[in-house]
Amino acid sequence: MKTTLWTVEDLDNLSTSYPHIIEAASMLKENEVVAFPTETVYGLGANAFSDEAVRKIFEAKGRPSDNPLIVHISSQEQLHEFVEDIPEYALPLINEFWPGPLTLVLRKKGQQLSNIVTAGLDTVAVRMPDHPIALALIKEANVPVAAPSANRSGKPSPTKASHVYHDLQGLISGIIDGGSTGVGVESTVVDCTATIPTILRPGGITKEQIESVVGEVGVDQALVEEGHTPKSPGMKYTHYAPNAPVIVVNGSHEFIQQLINEYEKEGKKVGLLTTEEAKDDFRATKVLACGSRSNLQTVAAQLYDVLRLFDQEDVDLILSESFPQAGVGVAVMNRLLKAAGHHVINEE
């Protein structure tokens, strides 16, 4: 399959009449699959009403079909086409955070949506992305767009079009290159079918931000205790892993360097994921800085790109510093721990 690559540079003056948007939207209407940028990561989009189109997402990603997808919309009016019983507390969340990196799980209405999108559930995850290309594409296609991250299943999510091309070239019809994404980690997923909103996946909107709007917020047990099956789209299986195994380390710089030395004595080539502040403190086969510890938003924005950069290096093992689990740091650590298969070494 030929994969068309479109480049959009003038994001400030984008409209649905932009030729690349028209061409990509026509592919979606024809039940083809197209990758596009959002403010979080690149999404792999297909017509959410079509079984044929949605199957192509799973085929391209190699994703298990019992894993539901997030449906992307370009207006609140679209929401009412396939959702019902929106609780009162969801409305201020919609008004405050849409468009933006917040996904809401709501009751599905009717049978318009492909059952493959919802994995046969009576709920659907929905969000309105905050990116001009995504919004223009969905509006021009005039259908809700099911879109998981545009990568092969299990690999780090793509924050650049080059990541998508590397993973999916020849497997999808098109990729719209809109540059690097901003947030860098996926949207926060909130279950709005319970008595209080419950976070199923941490992401670009923090728990503290949600609480400031609606008050009490629950957290899925799968996020705080191992052994529970996660309810969120995209959280059921291993994710975000580069080729080399990852270990998260809780400890001092001296302890981390000691671990590096021990692994290197065993003949292993060690990569280290650290921050700009600390990158010169370590000696390893490859040291890569991932944002600033003083601004965890920068760590989130660069995390997947840095994990992918390690695939270009000759390393047998990747050690990563841990980060404070507050604000967006919760999402950063969630992704890092999943990339590591929850393999953590703690300094005693």
Protein backbone atom coordinates (compact mmCIF):
# COMPACT_ATOMS: atom_id res chain seq x y z
CA MET A 1 0.00 0.00 0.00
CA LYS A 2 1.22 3.48 -0.85
CA THR A 3 1.27 5.84 2.14
CA THR A 4 0.75 9.47 1.13
CA LEU A 5 2.62 12.02 3.28
CA TRP A 6 1.16 15.53 3.41
CA THR A 7 3.00 18.40 5.12
CA VAL A 8 1.01 21.27 6.64
CA GLU A 9 3.14 24.20 7.77
CA ASP A 10 0.75 27.16 8.14
CA LEU A 11 -1.36 25.95 11.06
CA ASP A 12 -2.62 29.47 11.85
CA ASN A 13 -4.59 29.78 8.61
CA LEU A 14 -5.86 26.24 8.29
CA SER A 15 -9.41 25.56 7.09
CA THR A 16 -11.42 22.63 5.79
CA SER A 17 -10.74 23.92 2.26
CA TYR A 18 -7.00 23.25 2.61
CA PRO A 19 -6.16 20.76 -0.19
CA HIS A 20 -4.39 18.25 2.06
CA ILE A 21 -7.32 18.29 4.48
CA ILE A 22 -9.79 17.68 1.65
CA GLU A 23 -7.72 14.78 0.30
CA ALA A 24 -7.21 13.17 3.71
CA ALA A 25 -10.89 13.62 4.63
CA SER A 26 -11.95 11.98 1.37
CA MET A 27 -9.86 8.96 2.33
CA LEU A 28 -11.66 8.78 5.69
CA LYS A 29 -15.01 8.95 3.89
CA GLU A 30 -13.86 6.03 1.73
CA ASN A 31 -13.12 4.02 4.91
CA GLU A 32 -9.37 4.34 4.61
CA VAL A 33 -7.07 5.04 7.58
CA VAL A 34 -5.17 8.31 7.98
CA ALA A 35 -2.73 9.44 10.70
CA PHE A 36 -2.97 13.03 11.92
CA PRO A 37 -1.50 15.20 14.70
CA THR A 38 -3.36 16.12 17.86
CA GLU A 39 -2.11 18.17 20.79
CA THR A 40 -1.18 14.95 22.64
CA VAL A 41 0.24 12.40 20.16
CA TYR A 42 -0.43 11.46 16.53
CA GLY A 43 -3.69 9.57 16.07
CA LEU A 44 -4.57 6.82 13.59
CA GLY A 45 -8.00 7.81 12.35
CA ALA A 46 -10.88 5.97 10.72
CA ASN A 47 -14.63 6.49 10.27
CA ALA A 48 -16.08 5.46 13.65
CA PHE A 49 -19.36 4.40 12.00
CA SER A 50 -17.69 1.82 9.72
CA ASP A 51 -16.66 -1.70 10.77
CA GLU A 52 -14.56 -1.95 7.61
CA ALA A 53 -12.62 1.23 8.42
CA VAL A 54 -12.11 0.48 12.11
CA ARG A 55 -10.80 -3.03 11.37
CA LYS A 56 -8.03 -1.38 9.35
CA ILE A 57 -6.85 0.45 12.47
CA PHE A 58 -6.41 -2.82 14.35
CA GLU A 59 -4.71 -4.47 11.37
CA ALA A 60 -2.24 -1.61 10.92
CA LYS A 61 -1.40 -1.37 14.63
CA GLY A 62 -1.43 -5.08 15.38
CA ARG A 63 -3.70 -4.13 18.29
CA PRO A 64 -5.94 -6.66 20.09
CA SER A 65 -9.55 -6.12 18.99
CA ASP A 66 -10.91 -6.31 22.56
CA ASN A 67 -9.26 -2.94 23.26
CA PRO A 68 -11.77 -0.08 22.71
CA LEU A 69 -10.86 3.10 20.85
CA ILE A 70 -11.37 6.79 21.59
CA VAL A 71 -13.75 8.62 19.27
CA HIS A 72 -12.67 12.13 18.23
CA ILE A 73 -15.18 14.87 17.39
CA SER A 74 -14.92 18.45 16.14
CA SER A 75 -18.02 19.93 17.81
CA GLN A 76 -20.25 19.32 20.82
CA GLU A 77 -23.16 18.79 18.43
CA GLN A 78 -21.47 15.63 17.13
CA LEU A 79 -21.44 14.24 20.67
CA HIS A 80 -25.22 13.94 20.78
CA GLU A 81 -25.28 11.77 17.65
CA PHE A 82 -24.06 8.72 19.56
CA VAL A 83 -24.05 9.58 23.29
CA GLU A 84 -26.89 9.81 25.82
CA ASP A 85 -27.43 10.38 29.54
CA ILE A 86 -24.60 12.87 29.96
CA PRO A 87 -24.33 13.47 33.73
CA GLU A 88 -24.50 16.98 35.13
CA TYR A 89 -20.88 16.93 36.32
CA ALA A 90 -19.63 16.15 32.80
CA LEU A 91 -20.90 19.45 31.39
CA PRO A 92 -18.46 21.72 33.24
CA LEU A 93 -15.63 19.36 32.25
CA ILE A 94 -16.65 19.67 28.61
CA ASN A 95 -16.93 23.45 28.87
CA GLU A 96 -13.59 23.83 30.66
CA PHE A 97 -11.37 21.31 28.88
CA TRP A 98 -12.74 20.84 25.34
CA PRO A 99 -11.08 21.12 22.98
CA GLY A 100 -8.19 19.60 24.91
CA PRO A 101 -6.50 16.45 26.23
CA LEU A 102 -9.51 15.12 28.16
CA THR A 103 -11.45 11.99 27.17
CA LEU A 104 -14.84 11.26 28.72
CA VAL A 105 -16.38 7.78 28.91
CA LEU A 106 -20.14 8.18 28.38
CA ARG A 107 -23.21 6.04 27.67
CA LYS A 108 -23.48 5.05 24.03
CA LYS A 109 -26.70 5.88 22.18
CA GLY A 110 -28.13 3.70 19.41
CA GLN A 111 -26.16 1.50 17.03
CA GLN A 112 -24.50 4.05 14.76
CA LEU A 113 -21.00 3.53 16.10
CA SER A 114 -19.12 0.43 15.04
CA ASN A 115 -19.23 -2.15 17.82
CA ILE A 116 -15.52 -2.69 17.14
CA VAL A 117 -14.86 0.87 18.36
CA THR A 118 -16.46 0.17 21.72
CA ALA A 119 -15.35 -3.49 21.94
CA GLY A 120 -19.04 -4.36 22.37
CA LEU A 121 -19.46 -2.18 25.48
CA ASP A 122 -22.44 0.09 26.10
CA THR A 123 -20.08 3.00 26.74
CA VAL A 124 -17.86 5.05 24.44
CA ALA A 125 -14.77 7.19 25.08
CA VAL A 126 -14.96 10.60 23.40
CA ARG A 127 -12.75 13.66 23.15
CA MET A 128 -12.40 16.87 21.14
CA PRO A 129 -8.72 17.38 20.23
CA ASP A 130 -7.13 20.80 20.50
CA HIS A 131 -5.25 20.86 17.20
CA PRO A 132 -6.23 22.76 14.03
CA ILE A 133 -5.42 19.84 11.71
CA ALA A 134 -7.40 17.33 13.76
CA LEU A 135 -10.42 19.62 14.04
CA ALA A 136 -10.39 20.58 10.35
CA LEU A 137 -10.01 16.95 9.27
CA ILE A 138 -12.88 15.67 11.41
CA LYS A 139 -15.12 18.57 10.35
CA GLU A 140 -14.42 18.01 6.64
CA ALA A 141 -14.89 14.23 6.91
CA ASN A 142 -18.20 14.93 8.69
CA VAL A 143 -18.00 11.74 10.75
CA PRO A 144 -16.68 11.00 14.24
CA VAL A 145 -13.16 9.61 13.94
CA ALA A 146 -11.95 6.64 15.97
CA ALA A 147 -8.26 7.17 16.65
CA PRO A 148 -5.80 5.41 18.91
CA SER A 149 -2.14 6.45 18.81
CA ALA A 150 -0.56 6.00 15.37
CA ASN A 151 2.11 3.44 16.26
CA ARG A 152 2.54 -0.30 16.19
CA SER A 153 0.91 -1.74 19.28
CA GLY A 154 3.21 -1.83 22.31
CA LYS A 155 5.70 0.73 20.97
CA PRO A 156 6.15 4.31 22.19
CA SER A 157 3.40 6.59 20.95
CA PRO A 158 4.33 8.94 18.08
CA THR A 159 4.89 12.63 18.70
CA LYS A 160 6.29 13.31 15.22
CA ALA A 161 5.14 12.30 11.74
CA SER A 162 8.50 10.55 11.27
CA HIS A 163 7.59 8.21 14.15
CA VAL A 164 4.34 7.30 12.38
CA TYR A 165 6.11 6.79 9.06
CA HIS A 166 8.67 4.50 10.70
CA ASP A 167 5.99 2.30 12.24
CA LEU A 168 3.19 2.34 9.68
CA GLN A 169 4.56 3.24 6.24
CA GLY A 170 2.94 0.90 3.74
CA LEU A 171 0.22 -0.10 6.21
CA ILE A 172 -1.99 3.02 6.10
CA SER A 173 -3.24 5.34 3.37
CA GLY A 174 -1.88 8.65 4.59
CA ILE A 175 -0.05 10.73 7.20
CA ILE A 176 -0.58 14.45 7.79
CA ASP A 177 2.65 15.99 9.08
CA GLY A 178 1.84 18.92 11.35
CA GLY A 179 5.14 18.98 13.23
CA SER A 180 5.78 17.84 16.79
CA THR A 181 2.87 17.48 19.18
CA GLY A 182 2.76 19.65 22.30
CA VAL A 183 1.54 17.71 25.34
CA GLY A 184 3.44 14.54 24.43
CA VAL A 185 1.41 12.05 26.50
CA GLU A 186 -2.11 10.89 25.73
CA SER A 187 -5.31 12.44 27.03
CA THR A 188 -6.61 11.92 30.53
CA VAL A 189 -9.52 9.45 30.46
CA VAL A 190 -12.39 10.06 32.91
CA ASP A 191 -15.29 7.66 33.45
CA CYS A 192 -18.49 9.71 33.53
CA THR A 193 -20.85 6.76 34.07
CA ALA A 194 -20.18 6.54 37.82
CA THR A 195 -21.58 8.62 40.70
CA ILE A 196 -18.46 10.79 40.63
CA PRO A 197 -15.99 11.25 37.75
CA THR A 198 -13.27 8.62 37.94
CA ILE A 199 -9.85 8.86 36.31
CA LEU A 200 -9.09 5.72 34.29
CA ARG A 201 -5.88 7.01 32.69
CA PRO A 202 -3.72 9.95 33.77
CA GLY A 203 -2.73 12.29 30.97
CA GLY A 204 -2.50 15.87 29.78
CA ILE A 205 -5.15 17.17 32.20
CA THR A 206 -4.19 16.58 35.83
CA LYS A 207 -6.34 15.29 38.68
CA GLU A 208 -5.90 18.64 40.40
CA GLN A 209 -7.27 20.49 37.36
CA ILE A 210 -10.33 18.23 37.21
CA GLU A 211 -10.95 18.59 40.95
CA SER A 212 -10.84 22.36 40.63
CA VAL A 213 -13.86 22.14 38.31
CA VAL A 214 -16.00 19.32 39.74
CA GLY A 215 -14.74 18.66 43.26
CA GLU A 216 -14.34 15.01 44.32
CA VAL A 217 -12.71 12.74 41.73
CA GLY A 218 -12.16 9.00 41.93
CA VAL A 219 -9.18 7.01 40.61
CA ASP A 220 -9.40 3.58 38.97
CA GLN A 221 -7.94 0.90 41.26
CA ALA A 222 -5.82 -0.38 38.36
CA LEU A 223 -3.80 2.84 38.58
CA VAL A 224 -2.93 2.39 42.25
CA GLU A 225 -2.81 -1.39 42.69
CA GLU A 226 -1.33 -4.04 40.43
CA GLY A 227 -3.56 -6.97 39.62
CA HIS A 228 -6.62 -4.94 38.64
CA THR A 229 -7.69 -4.90 34.98
CA PRO A 230 -7.67 -1.31 33.66
CA LYS A 231 -10.93 0.00 32.20
CA SER A 232 -9.46 2.69 29.96
CA PRO A 233 -8.95 2.46 26.19
CA GLY A 234 -5.30 1.82 25.45
CA MET A 235 -4.33 0.70 28.96
CA LYS A 236 -5.07 -3.01 28.89
CA TYR A 237 -1.82 -4.24 27.36
CA THR A 238 1.91 -3.47 27.58
CA HIS A 239 2.70 -0.13 25.97
CA TYR A 240 5.32 2.46 25.20
CA ALA A 241 8.28 0.06 25.19
CA PRO A 242 11.44 0.63 23.15
CA ASN A 243 13.43 -2.35 21.87
CA ALA A 244 15.77 -2.57 24.88
CA PRO A 245 14.24 -3.42 28.28
CA VAL A 246 13.58 -0.46 30.58
CA ILE A 247 14.15 -0.29 34.34
CA VAL A 248 12.91 2.64 36.43
CA VAL A 249 15.26 3.57 39.27
CA ASN A 250 14.25 5.33 42.49
CA GLY A 251 17.46 6.57 44.02
CA SER A 252 20.29 9.06 44.20
CA HIS A 253 22.57 9.88 41.30
CA GLU A 254 25.31 7.93 43.04
CA PHE A 255 23.08 4.87 43.25
CA ILE A 256 22.09 5.15 39.58
CA GLN A 257 25.74 5.45 38.51
CA GLN A 258 26.59 2.43 40.65
CA LEU A 259 23.90 0.40 38.84
CA ILE A 260 25.25 1.55 35.46
CA ASN A 261 28.75 0.43 36.47
CA GLU A 262 27.50 -2.97 37.64
CA TYR A 263 25.60 -3.65 34.43
CA GLU A 264 28.58 -2.53 32.33
CA LYS A 265 30.83 -4.94 34.25
CA GLU A 266 28.45 -7.67 33.08
CA GLY A 267 29.19 -6.58 29.50
CA LYS A 268 25.91 -4.69 28.97
CA LYS A 269 25.70 -1.42 27.06
CA VAL A 270 23.56 0.85 29.23
CA GLY A 271 21.40 3.77 28.17
CA LEU A 272 20.20 6.31 30.72
CA LEU A 273 17.08 8.49 30.54
CA THR A 274 17.64 11.53 32.71
CA THR A 275 17.01 15.30 32.68
CA GLU A 276 18.81 18.37 31.38
CA GLU A 277 19.90 19.24 34.92
CA ALA A 278 21.52 15.83 35.50
CA LYS A 279 22.79 14.71 32.10
CA ASP A 280 26.41 15.65 32.85
CA ASP A 281 26.39 13.80 36.19
CA PHE A 282 26.42 10.33 34.61
CA ARG A 283 28.65 8.12 32.52
CA ALA A 284 26.97 5.42 30.44
CA THR A 285 27.00 4.07 26.89
CA LYS A 286 24.33 6.64 25.99
CA VAL A 287 22.86 9.37 28.19
CA LEU A 288 19.74 11.13 26.85
CA ALA A 289 18.09 14.12 28.51
CA CYS A 290 14.29 14.12 28.64
CA GLY A 291 13.14 17.61 29.56
CA SER A 292 13.68 19.44 32.82
CA ARG A 293 12.94 18.14 36.30
CA SER A 294 11.83 21.65 37.24
CA ASN A 295 9.16 21.53 34.50
CA LEU A 296 7.62 18.07 34.13
CA GLN A 297 5.55 19.29 31.17
CA THR A 298 8.80 19.22 29.19
CA VAL A 299 9.48 15.64 30.33
CA ALA A 300 6.00 14.60 29.17
CA ALA A 301 6.48 16.35 25.83
CA GLN A 302 9.79 14.59 25.11
CA LEU A 303 9.27 11.18 26.74
CA TYR A 304 8.16 9.12 23.73
CA ASP A 305 10.68 10.76 21.42
CA VAL A 306 13.53 9.93 23.81
CA LEU A 307 12.35 6.33 24.24
CA ARG A 308 12.33 6.03 20.46
CA LEU A 309 15.81 7.60 20.18
CA PHE A 310 17.20 4.74 22.27
CA ASP A 311 16.14 2.37 19.45
CA GLN A 312 18.73 4.13 17.28
CA GLU A 313 21.47 3.52 19.84
CA ASP A 314 23.41 0.33 20.50
CA VAL A 315 22.20 -0.30 24.05
CA ASP A 316 21.19 -3.55 25.76
CA LEU A 317 19.36 -1.93 28.66
CA ILE A 318 17.77 1.41 29.51
CA LEU A 319 17.73 2.82 33.04
CA SER A 320 15.41 5.73 33.74
CA GLU A 321 15.28 8.19 36.57
CA SER A 322 11.90 8.34 38.32
CA PHE A 323 9.85 11.52 38.59
CA PRO A 324 7.58 13.08 41.24
CA GLN A 325 4.06 11.68 41.01
CA ALA A 326 2.26 15.00 41.13
CA GLY A 327 0.52 16.95 38.37
CA VAL A 328 1.55 15.72 34.94
CA GLY A 329 4.26 13.65 36.66
CA VAL A 330 1.53 11.07 37.39
CA ALA A 331 1.08 10.55 33.63
CA VAL A 332 4.85 10.50 33.02
CA MET A 333 5.41 7.80 35.63
CA ASN A 334 2.39 5.82 34.43
CA ARG A 335 3.90 5.64 30.93
CA LEU A 336 7.42 4.95 32.17
CA LEU A 337 6.30 2.12 34.45
CA LYS A 338 4.30 0.54 31.63
CA ALA A 339 7.31 0.85 29.32
CA ALA A 340 9.35 -0.93 32.01
CA GLY A 341 6.73 -3.61 32.65
CA HIS A 342 6.74 -2.20 36.22
CA HIS A 343 10.39 -3.27 36.68
CA VAL A 344 11.64 -0.87 39.37
CA ILE A 345 14.83 -0.82 41.43
CA ASN A 346 14.70 1.12 44.70
CA GLU A 347 17.70 2.38 46.62
CA GLU A 348 17.57 0.91 50.12
